[in-house]
Amino acid sequence: MPVLRHTTNALGALPTSVRLTVFGAVVAAAATLLPAASASAAEPGVGGYTDPSYAACTFHRYGEGETPPLSLFGADPLCVEYAKRDITVTNGGAVRFLLAEPARFAIAVPACRYWQLDHWSVQATAGGTELVGWDGSYWFDKAEGSAAARVRNITVAGQPAQAEDAARVIRPYDARLADALVRDAAGVTVRLPVSGLC
């Protein structure tokens, strides 16, 4: 494997199968980051990040590729923490990650108050250099009509990095995700329509 921190695009130096798997992980990340980023673009002037008003909720923690049980439907607030550090081609970690995401989204969407913490890492091989990594915090409150996102602890090629550095690595594969990563690193708080069901 090449020394990634000396390449202009760490993903471009990888075999096609690895890049496709990383691209799949990037698409899943986009689904997490983009809703808040899109809402922010629709309402300029709203910004910053704060934890939700229900910050004292109990977190349900799940490991790599693990999905929450159906018994969490209807939990209010629903607070989850996901390990997403094994997004790896060679050991099937990327496949387990991609298979778990639909169930994770399915349990989040109907929630009235939802807070997700997650810890991302994409690498080509188990124990290999981390291509891109970050920790995320994303929440929404449909009763208050608010949502927020923040990304921190960003790494590129296993080294601490700025959001712009990670965005340069991701941009050839998904420009919208790259923009959202930069925006969310600064913290984004937006207004949402209030749900009458909450």
N, C-alpha and C. Protein backbone atom coordinates (compact mmCIF):
# COMPACT_ATOMS: atom_id res chain seq x y z
N MET A 1 0.85 -1.18 0.00
CA MET A 1 0.00 0.00 0.00
C MET A 1 0.89 1.23 0.00
N PRO A 2 0.56 2.26 -0.81
CA PRO A 2 1.39 3.45 -0.86
C PRO A 2 1.29 4.24 0.44
N VAL A 3 2.26 5.11 0.67
CA VAL A 3 2.21 6.00 1.81
C VAL A 3 1.20 7.08 1.49
N LEU A 4 0.07 7.03 2.13
CA LEU A 4 -1.08 7.85 1.74
C LEU A 4 -0.89 9.34 1.95
N ARG A 5 -0.15 9.73 2.97
CA ARG A 5 -0.06 11.16 3.22
C ARG A 5 0.78 11.89 2.19
N HIS A 6 1.43 11.15 1.28
CA HIS A 6 2.23 11.78 0.24
C HIS A 6 1.53 11.78 -1.11
N THR A 7 0.27 11.36 -1.15
CA THR A 7 -0.46 11.37 -2.42
C THR A 7 -1.43 12.53 -2.41
N THR A 8 -1.78 13.02 -3.59
CA THR A 8 -2.73 14.13 -3.66
C THR A 8 -4.15 13.65 -3.43
N ASN A 9 -4.45 12.41 -3.74
CA ASN A 9 -5.76 11.84 -3.50
C ASN A 9 -5.56 10.41 -3.02
N ALA A 10 -5.65 10.22 -1.71
CA ALA A 10 -5.35 8.92 -1.12
C ALA A 10 -6.20 7.81 -1.70
N LEU A 11 -7.46 8.08 -2.01
CA LEU A 11 -8.33 7.04 -2.55
C LEU A 11 -7.96 6.68 -3.98
N GLY A 12 -7.46 7.64 -4.74
CA GLY A 12 -7.12 7.38 -6.13
C GLY A 12 -6.00 6.36 -6.28
N ALA A 13 -5.18 6.18 -5.26
CA ALA A 13 -4.07 5.24 -5.33
C ALA A 13 -4.50 3.81 -5.03
N LEU A 14 -5.74 3.61 -4.66
CA LEU A 14 -6.22 2.29 -4.26
C LEU A 14 -6.81 1.52 -5.44
N PRO A 15 -6.86 0.19 -5.34
CA PRO A 15 -7.51 -0.60 -6.38
C PRO A 15 -8.99 -0.24 -6.51
N THR A 16 -9.56 -0.47 -7.68
CA THR A 16 -10.95 -0.11 -7.97
C THR A 16 -11.92 -0.72 -6.97
N SER A 17 -11.74 -1.98 -6.59
CA SER A 17 -12.68 -2.62 -5.65
C SER A 17 -12.68 -1.90 -4.30
N VAL A 18 -11.51 -1.46 -3.87
CA VAL A 18 -11.42 -0.73 -2.60
C VAL A 18 -12.10 0.63 -2.75
N ARG A 19 -11.85 1.33 -3.84
CA ARG A 19 -12.48 2.63 -4.05
C ARG A 19 -13.99 2.52 -4.09
N LEU A 20 -14.52 1.47 -4.71
CA LEU A 20 -15.97 1.30 -4.78
C LEU A 20 -16.56 1.06 -3.39
N THR A 21 -15.86 0.30 -2.56
CA THR A 21 -16.34 0.05 -1.21
C THR A 21 -16.30 1.34 -0.39
N VAL A 22 -15.20 2.08 -0.53
CA VAL A 22 -15.11 3.36 0.16
C VAL A 22 -16.21 4.29 -0.33
N PHE A 23 -16.47 4.28 -1.64
CA PHE A 23 -17.53 5.12 -2.19
C PHE A 23 -18.88 4.76 -1.56
N GLY A 24 -19.15 3.46 -1.37
CA GLY A 24 -20.39 3.05 -0.71
C GLY A 24 -20.49 3.60 0.70
N ALA A 25 -19.38 3.59 1.41
CA ALA A 25 -19.37 4.15 2.76
C ALA A 25 -19.60 5.65 2.72
N VAL A 26 -19.02 6.31 1.73
CA VAL A 26 -19.20 7.75 1.58
C VAL A 26 -20.67 8.08 1.31
N VAL A 27 -21.33 7.28 0.47
CA VAL A 27 -22.75 7.51 0.19
C VAL A 27 -23.57 7.38 1.46
N ALA A 28 -23.26 6.37 2.28
CA ALA A 28 -23.98 6.20 3.54
C ALA A 28 -23.72 7.38 4.47
N ALA A 29 -22.49 7.87 4.49
CA ALA A 29 -22.18 9.03 5.32
C ALA A 29 -22.96 10.24 4.83
N ALA A 30 -23.09 10.37 3.52
CA ALA A 30 -23.83 11.50 2.95
C ALA A 30 -25.27 11.49 3.43
N ALA A 31 -25.85 10.32 3.54
CA ALA A 31 -27.24 10.23 4.00
C ALA A 31 -27.36 10.73 5.43
N THR A 32 -26.31 10.60 6.21
CA THR A 32 -26.31 11.09 7.59
C THR A 32 -26.09 12.59 7.64
N LEU A 33 -25.13 13.09 6.89
CA LEU A 33 -24.72 14.48 6.99
C LEU A 33 -25.58 15.44 6.19
N LEU A 34 -26.10 15.02 5.06
CA LEU A 34 -26.73 15.96 4.14
C LEU A 34 -28.06 16.54 4.59
N PRO A 35 -28.92 15.84 5.34
CA PRO A 35 -30.18 16.48 5.70
C PRO A 35 -30.00 17.81 6.44
N ALA A 36 -29.12 17.84 7.42
CA ALA A 36 -28.89 19.09 8.15
C ALA A 36 -28.24 20.12 7.25
N ALA A 37 -27.31 19.67 6.40
CA ALA A 37 -26.64 20.61 5.51
C ALA A 37 -27.62 21.22 4.52
N SER A 38 -28.53 20.43 3.98
CA SER A 38 -29.51 20.93 3.01
C SER A 38 -30.46 21.91 3.68
N ALA A 39 -30.89 21.59 4.89
CA ALA A 39 -31.79 22.49 5.60
C ALA A 39 -31.09 23.81 5.90
N SER A 40 -29.81 23.73 6.24
CA SER A 40 -29.06 24.94 6.53
C SER A 40 -28.98 25.83 5.30
N ALA A 41 -28.78 25.22 4.14
CA ALA A 41 -28.68 26.01 2.91
C ALA A 41 -30.00 26.72 2.62
N ALA A 42 -31.11 26.11 3.02
CA ALA A 42 -32.42 26.70 2.76
C ALA A 42 -32.71 27.86 3.70
N GLU A 43 -32.02 27.93 4.81
CA GLU A 43 -32.28 28.98 5.79
C GLU A 43 -30.95 29.57 6.24
N PRO A 44 -30.34 30.45 5.42
CA PRO A 44 -29.05 31.01 5.78
C PRO A 44 -29.15 31.86 7.05
N GLY A 45 -28.06 31.95 7.75
CA GLY A 45 -28.03 32.73 8.97
C GLY A 45 -28.24 31.90 10.22
N VAL A 46 -28.69 30.66 10.07
CA VAL A 46 -28.84 29.77 11.20
C VAL A 46 -27.55 28.98 11.32
N GLY A 47 -26.95 28.92 12.47
CA GLY A 47 -25.68 28.21 12.55
C GLY A 47 -25.29 27.88 13.97
N GLY A 48 -24.10 27.35 14.11
CA GLY A 48 -23.59 26.93 15.40
C GLY A 48 -24.10 25.56 15.77
N TYR A 49 -23.57 25.02 16.83
CA TYR A 49 -24.02 23.70 17.29
C TYR A 49 -24.18 23.75 18.80
N THR A 50 -25.25 23.20 19.28
CA THR A 50 -25.45 22.95 20.70
C THR A 50 -26.05 21.56 20.82
N ASP A 51 -25.82 20.93 21.96
CA ASP A 51 -26.48 19.66 22.21
C ASP A 51 -27.98 19.91 22.33
N PRO A 52 -28.80 18.88 22.12
CA PRO A 52 -30.26 19.08 22.19
C PRO A 52 -30.72 19.34 23.62
N SER A 53 -31.95 19.82 23.75
CA SER A 53 -32.51 20.11 25.08
C SER A 53 -32.69 18.84 25.90
N TYR A 54 -32.72 17.68 25.23
CA TYR A 54 -32.87 16.41 25.94
C TYR A 54 -31.51 15.71 26.08
N ALA A 55 -30.47 16.48 26.34
CA ALA A 55 -29.10 15.97 26.39
C ALA A 55 -28.86 14.95 27.50
N ALA A 56 -29.76 14.83 28.44
CA ALA A 56 -29.58 13.88 29.54
C ALA A 56 -30.14 12.49 29.21
N CYS A 57 -30.48 12.23 27.95
CA CYS A 57 -31.08 10.94 27.60
C CYS A 57 -30.06 9.80 27.70
N THR A 58 -30.58 8.59 27.80
CA THR A 58 -29.73 7.40 27.90
C THR A 58 -29.38 6.91 26.49
N PHE A 59 -28.09 6.75 26.22
CA PHE A 59 -27.64 6.28 24.91
C PHE A 59 -27.64 4.76 24.85
N HIS A 60 -28.12 4.26 23.73
CA HIS A 60 -28.04 2.83 23.41
C HIS A 60 -26.85 2.69 22.49
N ARG A 61 -25.86 1.86 22.87
CA ARG A 61 -24.61 1.76 22.12
C ARG A 61 -24.55 0.47 21.32
N TYR A 62 -24.10 0.61 20.06
CA TYR A 62 -24.05 -0.54 19.15
C TYR A 62 -22.69 -0.62 18.48
N GLY A 63 -22.21 -1.85 18.33
CA GLY A 63 -20.91 -2.10 17.74
C GLY A 63 -20.97 -2.11 16.22
N GLU A 64 -19.87 -2.50 15.63
CA GLU A 64 -19.71 -2.53 14.18
C GLU A 64 -20.81 -3.37 13.52
N GLY A 65 -21.54 -2.78 12.60
CA GLY A 65 -22.55 -3.50 11.84
C GLY A 65 -23.76 -3.95 12.65
N GLU A 66 -23.86 -3.53 13.89
CA GLU A 66 -24.96 -3.95 14.76
C GLU A 66 -26.15 -3.01 14.58
N THR A 67 -27.35 -3.57 14.54
CA THR A 67 -28.55 -2.75 14.37
C THR A 67 -29.35 -2.72 15.67
N PRO A 68 -30.06 -1.62 15.92
CA PRO A 68 -30.86 -1.54 17.13
C PRO A 68 -32.08 -2.45 17.03
N PRO A 69 -32.58 -2.91 18.17
CA PRO A 69 -33.77 -3.78 18.15
C PRO A 69 -35.04 -2.99 17.85
N LEU A 70 -36.02 -3.67 17.31
CA LEU A 70 -37.30 -3.03 16.99
C LEU A 70 -37.97 -2.46 18.23
N SER A 71 -37.62 -2.95 19.40
CA SER A 71 -38.23 -2.46 20.64
C SER A 71 -37.94 -0.97 20.89
N LEU A 72 -36.98 -0.39 20.17
CA LEU A 72 -36.68 1.03 20.34
C LEU A 72 -37.63 1.94 19.57
N PHE A 73 -38.44 1.36 18.66
CA PHE A 73 -39.43 2.19 17.96
C PHE A 73 -40.32 2.84 19.00
N GLY A 74 -40.52 4.13 18.86
CA GLY A 74 -41.38 4.86 19.79
C GLY A 74 -40.65 5.42 20.99
N ALA A 75 -39.36 5.08 21.18
CA ALA A 75 -38.61 5.65 22.30
C ALA A 75 -38.52 7.17 22.11
N ASP A 76 -38.73 7.91 23.19
CA ASP A 76 -38.69 9.37 23.10
C ASP A 76 -38.05 9.93 24.36
N PRO A 77 -36.87 10.48 24.26
CA PRO A 77 -36.07 10.59 23.05
C PRO A 77 -35.36 9.28 22.76
N LEU A 78 -34.93 9.12 21.52
CA LEU A 78 -34.13 7.98 21.10
C LEU A 78 -32.71 8.47 20.89
N CYS A 79 -31.79 7.95 21.68
CA CYS A 79 -30.39 8.36 21.60
C CYS A 79 -29.55 7.11 21.36
N VAL A 80 -28.76 7.13 20.29
CA VAL A 80 -27.95 5.98 19.91
C VAL A 80 -26.52 6.41 19.65
N GLU A 81 -25.61 5.45 19.83
CA GLU A 81 -24.21 5.66 19.51
C GLU A 81 -23.73 4.45 18.72
N TYR A 82 -23.13 4.71 17.57
CA TYR A 82 -22.70 3.64 16.67
C TYR A 82 -21.20 3.67 16.47
N ALA A 83 -20.59 2.49 16.57
CA ALA A 83 -19.19 2.32 16.16
C ALA A 83 -19.20 2.05 14.66
N LYS A 84 -18.49 2.87 13.91
CA LYS A 84 -18.38 2.70 12.46
C LYS A 84 -16.89 2.77 12.09
N ARG A 85 -16.07 2.14 12.92
CA ARG A 85 -14.62 2.20 12.76
C ARG A 85 -14.07 1.07 11.89
N ASP A 86 -14.90 0.11 11.53
CA ASP A 86 -14.42 -1.03 10.75
C ASP A 86 -15.00 -1.01 9.34
N ILE A 87 -14.94 0.15 8.70
CA ILE A 87 -15.38 0.23 7.30
C ILE A 87 -14.16 -0.16 6.47
N THR A 88 -14.00 -1.48 6.32
CA THR A 88 -12.80 -2.08 5.75
C THR A 88 -13.19 -3.08 4.68
N VAL A 89 -12.45 -3.10 3.60
CA VAL A 89 -12.75 -3.99 2.48
C VAL A 89 -12.40 -5.44 2.79
N THR A 90 -11.20 -5.69 3.27
CA THR A 90 -10.66 -7.05 3.31
C THR A 90 -11.33 -7.98 4.30
N ASN A 91 -11.95 -7.45 5.34
CA ASN A 91 -12.55 -8.33 6.35
C ASN A 91 -14.08 -8.29 6.33
N GLY A 92 -14.66 -7.64 5.34
CA GLY A 92 -16.12 -7.55 5.27
C GLY A 92 -16.74 -6.48 6.13
N GLY A 93 -15.93 -5.68 6.81
CA GLY A 93 -16.46 -4.63 7.67
C GLY A 93 -17.28 -3.61 6.92
N ALA A 94 -16.86 -3.27 5.70
CA ALA A 94 -17.61 -2.30 4.90
C ALA A 94 -18.98 -2.86 4.52
N VAL A 95 -19.03 -4.14 4.20
CA VAL A 95 -20.30 -4.77 3.84
C VAL A 95 -21.23 -4.79 5.06
N ARG A 96 -20.70 -5.18 6.22
CA ARG A 96 -21.52 -5.18 7.45
C ARG A 96 -22.05 -3.78 7.75
N PHE A 97 -21.21 -2.77 7.56
CA PHE A 97 -21.63 -1.39 7.78
C PHE A 97 -22.78 -1.02 6.85
N LEU A 98 -22.61 -1.29 5.55
CA LEU A 98 -23.64 -0.93 4.57
C LEU A 98 -24.95 -1.67 4.81
N LEU A 99 -24.87 -2.93 5.24
CA LEU A 99 -26.08 -3.70 5.51
C LEU A 99 -26.81 -3.20 6.76
N ALA A 100 -26.09 -2.65 7.71
CA ALA A 100 -26.72 -2.17 8.95
C ALA A 100 -27.40 -0.82 8.79
N GLU A 101 -26.93 0.01 7.86
CA GLU A 101 -27.44 1.37 7.77
C GLU A 101 -28.94 1.48 7.49
N PRO A 102 -29.54 0.69 6.60
CA PRO A 102 -30.99 0.85 6.38
C PRO A 102 -31.82 0.67 7.65
N ALA A 103 -31.49 -0.32 8.47
CA ALA A 103 -32.24 -0.54 9.72
C ALA A 103 -32.01 0.62 10.69
N ARG A 104 -30.80 1.15 10.70
CA ARG A 104 -30.50 2.27 11.59
C ARG A 104 -31.31 3.50 11.18
N PHE A 105 -31.42 3.75 9.89
CA PHE A 105 -32.23 4.88 9.42
C PHE A 105 -33.71 4.63 9.69
N ALA A 106 -34.16 3.39 9.51
CA ALA A 106 -35.57 3.06 9.70
C ALA A 106 -36.02 3.33 11.13
N ILE A 107 -35.13 3.13 12.08
CA ILE A 107 -35.52 3.38 13.48
C ILE A 107 -35.42 4.87 13.82
N ALA A 108 -34.58 5.61 13.09
CA ALA A 108 -34.41 7.04 13.38
C ALA A 108 -35.54 7.89 12.81
N VAL A 109 -35.95 7.60 11.60
CA VAL A 109 -36.89 8.48 10.88
C VAL A 109 -38.20 8.73 11.64
N PRO A 110 -38.85 7.73 12.23
CA PRO A 110 -40.12 8.02 12.91
C PRO A 110 -39.97 8.68 14.28
N ALA A 111 -38.77 8.74 14.82
CA ALA A 111 -38.57 9.31 16.16
C ALA A 111 -38.95 10.78 16.18
N CYS A 112 -39.48 11.23 17.31
CA CYS A 112 -39.78 12.66 17.48
C CYS A 112 -38.53 13.41 17.92
N ARG A 113 -37.78 12.81 18.84
CA ARG A 113 -36.53 13.40 19.31
C ARG A 113 -35.45 12.33 19.16
N TYR A 114 -34.43 12.65 18.38
CA TYR A 114 -33.40 11.66 18.03
C TYR A 114 -32.03 12.30 18.12
N TRP A 115 -31.09 11.56 18.73
CA TRP A 115 -29.70 12.04 18.82
C TRP A 115 -28.80 10.87 18.52
N GLN A 116 -27.92 11.05 17.55
CA GLN A 116 -26.98 10.00 17.15
C GLN A 116 -25.54 10.49 17.28
N LEU A 117 -24.75 9.70 17.97
CA LEU A 117 -23.30 9.89 17.99
C LEU A 117 -22.72 8.73 17.18
N ASP A 118 -21.71 9.01 16.36
CA ASP A 118 -21.06 7.91 15.66
C ASP A 118 -19.59 8.21 15.46
N HIS A 119 -18.85 7.15 15.22
CA HIS A 119 -17.39 7.21 15.14
C HIS A 119 -16.98 6.47 13.87
N TRP A 120 -16.52 7.24 12.86
CA TRP A 120 -16.25 6.72 11.52
C TRP A 120 -14.77 6.47 11.29
N SER A 121 -14.48 5.43 10.53
CA SER A 121 -13.13 5.19 10.04
C SER A 121 -13.22 4.32 8.79
N VAL A 122 -12.61 4.77 7.71
CA VAL A 122 -12.57 4.02 6.46
C VAL A 122 -11.11 3.67 6.19
N GLN A 123 -10.84 2.39 5.98
CA GLN A 123 -9.50 1.92 5.66
C GLN A 123 -9.59 0.77 4.68
N ALA A 124 -8.52 0.55 3.93
CA ALA A 124 -8.54 -0.50 2.92
C ALA A 124 -8.41 -1.89 3.54
N THR A 125 -7.59 -2.02 4.58
CA THR A 125 -7.36 -3.33 5.20
C THR A 125 -7.47 -3.21 6.71
N ALA A 126 -7.85 -4.30 7.37
CA ALA A 126 -7.93 -4.31 8.83
C ALA A 126 -6.55 -3.96 9.39
N GLY A 127 -6.50 -3.00 10.27
CA GLY A 127 -5.24 -2.57 10.85
C GLY A 127 -4.44 -1.65 9.94
N GLY A 128 -4.97 -1.35 8.75
CA GLY A 128 -4.27 -0.48 7.81
C GLY A 128 -4.47 0.99 8.16
N THR A 129 -3.80 1.83 7.40
CA THR A 129 -3.90 3.27 7.61
C THR A 129 -5.32 3.74 7.37
N GLU A 130 -5.82 4.53 8.29
CA GLU A 130 -7.15 5.12 8.17
C GLU A 130 -7.13 6.14 7.02
N LEU A 131 -7.97 5.92 6.01
CA LEU A 131 -8.03 6.86 4.89
C LEU A 131 -8.71 8.15 5.31
N VAL A 132 -9.91 8.01 5.92
CA VAL A 132 -10.68 9.15 6.41
C VAL A 132 -11.39 8.70 7.68
N GLY A 133 -11.46 9.57 8.65
CA GLY A 133 -12.19 9.25 9.88
C GLY A 133 -12.74 10.51 10.53
N TRP A 134 -13.78 10.37 11.34
CA TRP A 134 -14.34 11.49 12.10
C TRP A 134 -15.31 10.97 13.14
N ASP A 135 -15.67 11.82 14.07
CA ASP A 135 -16.72 11.56 15.05
C ASP A 135 -17.85 12.53 14.75
N GLY A 136 -19.08 12.03 14.77
CA GLY A 136 -20.22 12.86 14.44
C GLY A 136 -21.24 12.92 15.56
N SER A 137 -21.96 14.01 15.61
CA SER A 137 -23.09 14.18 16.52
C SER A 137 -24.20 14.83 15.70
N TYR A 138 -25.36 14.15 15.59
CA TYR A 138 -26.47 14.63 14.76
C TYR A 138 -27.76 14.44 15.55
N TRP A 139 -28.60 15.45 15.61
CA TRP A 139 -29.86 15.30 16.34
C TRP A 139 -30.97 16.11 15.67
N PHE A 140 -32.20 15.70 15.98
CA PHE A 140 -33.36 16.50 15.57
C PHE A 140 -34.42 16.40 16.65
N ASP A 141 -35.26 17.45 16.69
CA ASP A 141 -36.39 17.50 17.61
C ASP A 141 -37.57 18.00 16.79
N LYS A 142 -38.45 17.09 16.39
CA LYS A 142 -39.59 17.45 15.54
C LYS A 142 -40.63 18.28 16.28
N ALA A 143 -40.69 18.18 17.62
CA ALA A 143 -41.64 18.98 18.39
C ALA A 143 -41.19 20.43 18.45
N GLU A 144 -39.89 20.66 18.60
CA GLU A 144 -39.34 22.02 18.64
C GLU A 144 -39.08 22.57 17.25
N GLY A 145 -38.94 21.68 16.27
CA GLY A 145 -38.61 22.12 14.92
C GLY A 145 -37.17 22.53 14.77
N SER A 146 -36.25 21.71 15.32
CA SER A 146 -34.84 22.06 15.22
C SER A 146 -34.00 20.81 14.98
N ALA A 147 -32.81 21.03 14.44
CA ALA A 147 -31.87 19.95 14.19
C ALA A 147 -30.46 20.53 14.19
N ALA A 148 -29.48 19.68 14.43
CA ALA A 148 -28.09 20.15 14.43
C ALA A 148 -27.16 19.01 14.06
N ALA A 149 -25.99 19.39 13.59
CA ALA A 149 -24.96 18.41 13.24
C ALA A 149 -23.59 19.00 13.52
N ARG A 150 -22.67 18.12 13.92
CA ARG A 150 -21.29 18.54 14.13
C ARG A 150 -20.38 17.35 13.86
N VAL A 151 -19.28 17.61 13.20
CA VAL A 151 -18.26 16.61 12.92
C VAL A 151 -16.96 17.10 13.54
N ARG A 152 -16.23 16.21 14.22
CA ARG A 152 -14.96 16.62 14.84
C ARG A 152 -14.00 15.45 14.83
N ASN A 153 -12.81 15.66 15.32
CA ASN A 153 -11.76 14.63 15.37
C ASN A 153 -11.51 14.03 13.98
N ILE A 154 -11.39 14.88 13.00
CA ILE A 154 -11.21 14.45 11.61
C ILE A 154 -9.78 13.99 11.39
N THR A 155 -9.64 12.88 10.63
CA THR A 155 -8.32 12.40 10.24
C THR A 155 -8.30 12.11 8.75
N VAL A 156 -7.14 12.27 8.16
CA VAL A 156 -6.89 11.89 6.77
C VAL A 156 -5.56 11.15 6.76
N ALA A 157 -5.54 9.97 6.16
CA ALA A 157 -4.34 9.14 6.11
C ALA A 157 -3.78 8.91 7.51
N GLY A 158 -4.68 8.74 8.48
CA GLY A 158 -4.27 8.44 9.84
C GLY A 158 -3.74 9.61 10.64
N GLN A 159 -3.77 10.82 10.08
CA GLN A 159 -3.23 12.01 10.75
C GLN A 159 -4.35 13.00 11.05
N PRO A 160 -4.28 13.71 12.18
CA PRO A 160 -5.28 14.74 12.45
C PRO A 160 -5.33 15.72 11.28
N ALA A 161 -6.54 16.14 10.92
CA ALA A 161 -6.70 16.97 9.74
C ALA A 161 -7.84 17.97 9.93
N GLN A 162 -7.85 18.95 9.08
CA GLN A 162 -8.96 19.90 9.02
C GLN A 162 -10.04 19.32 8.10
N ALA A 163 -11.24 19.82 8.25
CA ALA A 163 -12.35 19.35 7.41
C ALA A 163 -12.04 19.54 5.93
N GLU A 164 -11.36 20.62 5.60
CA GLU A 164 -11.04 20.88 4.19
C GLU A 164 -10.14 19.79 3.62
N ASP A 165 -9.23 19.24 4.45
CA ASP A 165 -8.35 18.15 3.99
C ASP A 165 -9.16 16.91 3.66
N ALA A 166 -10.09 16.55 4.56
CA ALA A 166 -10.94 15.38 4.31
C ALA A 166 -11.84 15.62 3.11
N ALA A 167 -12.31 16.85 2.97
CA ALA A 167 -13.17 17.17 1.83
C ALA A 167 -12.44 16.99 0.51
N ARG A 168 -11.15 17.33 0.47
CA ARG A 168 -10.37 17.14 -0.76
C ARG A 168 -10.28 15.66 -1.14
N VAL A 169 -10.18 14.78 -0.14
CA VAL A 169 -10.10 13.34 -0.40
C VAL A 169 -11.45 12.83 -0.91
N ILE A 170 -12.55 13.32 -0.33
CA ILE A 170 -13.89 12.83 -0.64
C ILE A 170 -14.48 13.46 -1.91
N ARG A 171 -14.10 14.72 -2.20
CA ARG A 171 -14.75 15.48 -3.28
C ARG A 171 -14.81 14.77 -4.62
N PRO A 172 -13.76 14.04 -5.08
CA PRO A 172 -13.88 13.36 -6.38
C PRO A 172 -15.00 12.30 -6.40
N TYR A 173 -15.41 11.83 -5.23
CA TYR A 173 -16.42 10.78 -5.16
C TYR A 173 -17.80 11.34 -4.83
N ASP A 174 -17.86 12.43 -4.05
CA ASP A 174 -19.15 13.01 -3.68
C ASP A 174 -18.93 14.45 -3.21
N ALA A 175 -19.13 15.41 -4.11
CA ALA A 175 -18.89 16.82 -3.80
C ALA A 175 -19.85 17.32 -2.71
N ARG A 176 -21.10 16.84 -2.72
CA ARG A 176 -22.06 17.29 -1.71
C ARG A 176 -21.65 16.83 -0.32
N LEU A 177 -21.15 15.61 -0.19
CA LEU A 177 -20.67 15.13 1.10
C LEU A 177 -19.45 15.95 1.54
N ALA A 178 -18.56 16.24 0.61
CA ALA A 178 -17.38 17.04 0.96
C ALA A 178 -17.82 18.39 1.52
N ASP A 179 -18.78 19.04 0.87
CA ASP A 179 -19.29 20.33 1.35
C ASP A 179 -19.95 20.19 2.72
N ALA A 180 -20.73 19.13 2.89
CA ALA A 180 -21.42 18.90 4.17
C ALA A 180 -20.42 18.65 5.29
N LEU A 181 -19.34 17.93 5.01
CA LEU A 181 -18.33 17.65 6.02
C LEU A 181 -17.69 18.95 6.50
N VAL A 182 -17.37 19.84 5.57
CA VAL A 182 -16.79 21.14 5.95
C VAL A 182 -17.79 21.94 6.78
N ARG A 183 -19.03 21.99 6.33
CA ARG A 183 -20.07 22.75 7.03
C ARG A 183 -20.31 22.18 8.43
N ASP A 184 -20.42 20.85 8.50
CA ASP A 184 -20.74 20.22 9.78
C ASP A 184 -19.56 20.29 10.76
N ALA A 185 -18.34 20.41 10.26
CA ALA A 185 -17.19 20.55 11.16
C ALA A 185 -17.29 21.86 11.93
N ALA A 186 -17.90 22.86 11.32
CA ALA A 186 -18.09 24.14 12.00
C ALA A 186 -19.31 24.10 12.92
N GLY A 187 -20.17 23.10 12.74
CA GLY A 187 -21.40 22.98 13.51
C GLY A 187 -22.55 23.67 12.81
N VAL A 188 -23.65 22.99 12.67
CA VAL A 188 -24.82 23.52 11.98
C VAL A 188 -26.05 23.29 12.84
N THR A 189 -26.83 24.34 13.04
CA THR A 189 -28.14 24.22 13.69
C THR A 189 -29.16 24.84 12.74
N VAL A 190 -30.26 24.14 12.53
CA VAL A 190 -31.26 24.60 11.57
C VAL A 190 -32.66 24.49 12.16
N ARG A 191 -33.59 25.20 11.55
CA ARG A 191 -35.01 25.08 11.90
C ARG A 191 -35.64 24.07 10.97
N LEU A 192 -36.52 23.25 11.51
CA LEU A 192 -37.28 22.27 10.74
C LEU A 192 -38.76 22.54 10.93
N PRO A 193 -39.61 22.02 10.01
CA PRO A 193 -41.05 22.12 10.26
C PRO A 193 -41.41 21.34 11.53
N VAL A 194 -42.29 21.90 12.33
CA VAL A 194 -42.75 21.23 13.55
C VAL A 194 -43.72 20.14 13.14
N SER A 195 -43.58 18.96 13.76
CA SER A 195 -44.47 17.83 13.47
C SER A 195 -45.64 17.82 14.46
N GLY A 196 -46.86 17.79 13.93
CA GLY A 196 -48.04 17.70 14.78
C GLY A 196 -48.17 16.36 15.47
N LEU A 197 -47.43 15.36 15.00
CA LEU A 197 -47.46 14.02 15.61
C LEU A 197 -46.58 13.94 16.84
N CYS A 198 -45.79 14.95 17.08
CA CYS A 198 -44.87 14.92 18.23
C CYS A 198 -45.32 15.90 19.28
